[in-house]
Amino acid sequence: MNLGDLNLGDMGKMLEGIQENAKKMEDDLASKEFSVKTGGGMIKITITGKGEVNNIEIDDSLLEDKDSLQILLIAAFNDATKMVEDNKKQNAMGMLGGMNPFQS
């Protein structure tokens, strides 16, 4: 199929399919949870696939060491955010993997 052979009806159906897949991916992300531990488990963050933090656990020993607490929290949030982004990329690649409207 070349670009000239693609009619508007086919385009509309293809776009509907993409929208349905995107909605399903969004729902899947909302239901996933990721947990990240830093500092040998002294900090634990649980985050959804949409990037919303559900829980933070902090070991009591860190409450007296503000500098270490800040460093470990930053590391945990960065690790959790990267985990969510990597998961989103994998889902998007999987969603688009079988769909190529310009393939003949």
C-alpha atoms as a PDB file:
ATOM      1  CA  MET A   1       0.000   0.000   0.000  1.00  0.00           C
ATOM      2  CA  ASN A   2       1.329   3.416  -0.824  1.00  0.00           C
ATOM      3  CA  LEU A   3       0.174   6.725   0.584  1.00  0.00           C
ATOM      4  CA  GLY A   4      -2.130   7.359  -2.398  1.00  0.00           C
ATOM      5  CA  ASP A   5      -4.021   4.119  -1.756  1.00  0.00           C
ATOM      6  CA  LEU A   6      -4.897   5.048   1.842  1.00  0.00           C
ATOM      7  CA  ASN A   7      -8.505   6.270   1.996  1.00  0.00           C
ATOM      8  CA  LEU A   8     -10.084   8.330   4.750  1.00  0.00           C
ATOM      9  CA  GLY A   9     -12.232   5.424   6.007  1.00  0.00           C
ATOM     10  CA  ASP A  10      -9.153   3.260   6.520  1.00  0.00           C
ATOM     11  CA  MET A  11      -7.372   6.170   8.210  1.00  0.00           C
ATOM     12  CA  GLY A  12     -10.313   6.678  10.576  1.00  0.00           C
ATOM     13  CA  LYS A  13     -10.367   2.991  11.527  1.00  0.00           C
ATOM     14  CA  MET A  14      -6.611   3.018  12.067  1.00  0.00           C
ATOM     15  CA  LEU A  15      -6.846   6.110  14.303  1.00  0.00           C
ATOM     16  CA  GLU A  16      -9.661   4.521  16.328  1.00  0.00           C
ATOM     17  CA  GLY A  17      -7.469   1.464  16.866  1.00  0.00           C
ATOM     18  CA  ILE A  18      -4.571   3.633  17.992  1.00  0.00           C
ATOM     19  CA  GLN A  19      -6.845   5.536  20.410  1.00  0.00           C
ATOM     20  CA  GLU A  20      -8.205   2.276  21.859  1.00  0.00           C
ATOM     21  CA  ASN A  21      -4.679   0.931  22.333  1.00  0.00           C
ATOM     22  CA  ALA A  22      -3.554   4.192  23.965  1.00  0.00           C
ATOM     23  CA  LYS A  23      -6.508   4.076  26.381  1.00  0.00           C
ATOM     24  CA  LYS A  24      -5.745   0.452  27.253  1.00  0.00           C
ATOM     25  CA  MET A  25      -2.076   1.330  27.805  1.00  0.00           C
ATOM     26  CA  GLU A  26      -3.094   4.235  30.079  1.00  0.00           C
ATOM     27  CA  ASP A  27      -5.354   1.927  32.114  1.00  0.00           C
ATOM     28  CA  ASP A  28      -2.565  -0.663  32.363  1.00  0.00           C
ATOM     29  CA  LEU A  29      -0.118   1.981  33.584  1.00  0.00           C
ATOM     30  CA  ALA A  30      -2.552   3.181  36.249  1.00  0.00           C
ATOM     31  CA  SER A  31      -2.827  -0.345  37.667  1.00  0.00           C
ATOM     32  CA  LYS A  32       0.927  -1.061  37.797  1.00  0.00           C
ATOM     33  CA  GLU A  33       3.079  -0.328  40.829  1.00  0.00           C
ATOM     34  CA  PHE A  34       6.843  -0.157  41.091  1.00  0.00           C
ATOM     35  CA  SER A  35       8.894  -0.195  44.278  1.00  0.00           C
ATOM     36  CA  VAL A  36      12.383   1.228  44.580  1.00  0.00           C
ATOM     37  CA  LYS A  37      14.751   0.861  47.529  1.00  0.00           C
ATOM     38  CA  THR A  38      17.871   2.923  48.164  1.00  0.00           C
ATOM     39  CA  GLY A  39      20.438   3.062  50.922  1.00  0.00           C
ATOM     40  CA  GLY A  40      20.295  -0.666  51.532  1.00  0.00           C
ATOM     41  CA  GLY A  41      16.526  -0.503  51.965  1.00  0.00           C
ATOM     42  CA  MET A  42      16.538   2.536  54.254  1.00  0.00           C
ATOM     43  CA  ILE A  43      14.268   4.370  51.792  1.00  0.00           C
ATOM     44  CA  LYS A  44      11.482   2.655  49.872  1.00  0.00           C
ATOM     45  CA  ILE A  45       9.218   4.426  47.381  1.00  0.00           C
ATOM     46  CA  THR A  46       6.179   2.876  45.711  1.00  0.00           C
ATOM     47  CA  ILE A  47       5.016   4.598  42.527  1.00  0.00           C
ATOM     48  CA  THR A  48       2.308   3.862  39.959  1.00  0.00           C
ATOM     49  CA  GLY A  49       2.924   3.391  36.254  1.00  0.00           C
ATOM     50  CA  LYS A  50       1.544   6.896  35.776  1.00  0.00           C
ATOM     51  CA  GLY A  51       4.243   8.330  38.045  1.00  0.00           C
ATOM     52  CA  GLU A  52       2.098   8.961  41.124  1.00  0.00           C
ATOM     53  CA  VAL A  53       3.785   8.205  44.444  1.00  0.00           C
ATOM     54  CA  ASN A  54       1.686   5.878  46.622  1.00  0.00           C
ATOM     55  CA  ASN A  55       3.988   5.352  49.576  1.00  0.00           C
ATOM     56  CA  ILE A  56       7.319   6.399  51.061  1.00  0.00           C
ATOM     57  CA  GLU A  57       8.972   4.439  53.857  1.00  0.00           C
ATOM     58  CA  ILE A  58      11.930   5.986  55.707  1.00  0.00           C
ATOM     59  CA  ASP A  59      14.060   4.116  58.218  1.00  0.00           C
ATOM     60  CA  ASP A  60      13.978   5.904  61.587  1.00  0.00           C
ATOM     61  CA  SER A  61      17.784   6.085  61.688  1.00  0.00           C
ATOM     62  CA  LEU A  62      17.722   8.583  58.796  1.00  0.00           C
ATOM     63  CA  LEU A  63      15.578  11.069  60.683  1.00  0.00           C
ATOM     64  CA  GLU A  64      18.662  12.330  62.516  1.00  0.00           C
ATOM     65  CA  ASP A  65      20.741  12.676  59.319  1.00  0.00           C
ATOM     66  CA  LYS A  66      19.055  15.232  57.069  1.00  0.00           C
ATOM     67  CA  ASP A  67      21.812  15.279  54.430  1.00  0.00           C
ATOM     68  CA  SER A  68      21.755  11.499  53.934  1.00  0.00           C
ATOM     69  CA  LEU A  69      17.967  11.501  53.932  1.00  0.00           C
ATOM     70  CA  GLN A  70      17.853  14.117  51.171  1.00  0.00           C
ATOM     71  CA  ILE A  71      20.447  12.310  49.037  1.00  0.00           C
ATOM     72  CA  LEU A  72      18.677   8.958  49.375  1.00  0.00           C
ATOM     73  CA  LEU A  73      15.245  10.461  48.636  1.00  0.00           C
ATOM     74  CA  ILE A  74      16.567  12.124  45.483  1.00  0.00           C
ATOM     75  CA  ALA A  75      18.154   8.854  44.349  1.00  0.00           C
ATOM     76  CA  ALA A  76      14.971   6.889  45.056  1.00  0.00           C
ATOM     77  CA  PHE A  77      12.730   9.354  43.200  1.00  0.00           C
ATOM     78  CA  ASN A  78      15.096   9.423  40.224  1.00  0.00           C
ATOM     79  CA  ASP A  79      15.246   5.614  40.090  1.00  0.00           C
ATOM     80  CA  ALA A  80      11.454   5.332  40.368  1.00  0.00           C
ATOM     81  CA  THR A  81      10.868   7.942  37.658  1.00  0.00           C
ATOM     82  CA  LYS A  82      13.302   6.185  35.318  1.00  0.00           C
ATOM     83  CA  MET A  83      11.583   2.856  35.959  1.00  0.00           C
ATOM     84  CA  VAL A  84       8.182   4.350  35.045  1.00  0.00           C
ATOM     85  CA  GLU A  85       9.546   6.034  31.898  1.00  0.00           C
ATOM     86  CA  ASP A  86      11.252   2.823  30.751  1.00  0.00           C
ATOM     87  CA  ASN A  87       7.991   0.944  31.260  1.00  0.00           C
ATOM     88  CA  LYS A  88       6.050   3.548  29.261  1.00  0.00           C
ATOM     89  CA  LYS A  89       8.541   3.299  26.399  1.00  0.00           C
ATOM     90  CA  GLN A  90       8.307  -0.494  26.365  1.00  0.00           C
ATOM     91  CA  ASN A  91       4.501  -0.343  26.303  1.00  0.00           C
ATOM     92  CA  ALA A  92       4.490   2.252  23.507  1.00  0.00           C
ATOM     93  CA  MET A  93       6.905   0.217  21.406  1.00  0.00           C
ATOM     94  CA  GLY A  94       4.757  -2.875  21.930  1.00  0.00           C
ATOM     95  CA  MET A  95       1.621  -0.966  20.971  1.00  0.00           C
ATOM     96  CA  LEU A  96       3.145   0.399  17.759  1.00  0.00           C
ATOM     97  CA  GLY A  97       5.074  -2.766  16.914  1.00  0.00           C
ATOM     98  CA  GLY A  98       2.430  -4.318  14.702  1.00  0.00           C
ATOM     99  CA  MET A  99       1.015  -1.136  13.250  1.00  0.00           C
ATOM    100  CA  ASN A 100       2.617   0.350  10.161  1.00  0.00           C
ATOM    101  CA  PRO A 101       0.068   2.126   7.933  1.00  0.00           C
ATOM    102  CA  PHE A 102       2.625   2.636   5.181  1.00  0.00           C
ATOM    103  CA  GLN A 103       3.609  -1.003   4.894  1.00  0.00           C
ATOM    104  CA  SER A 104       2.479  -2.685   1.677  1.00  0.00           C
END
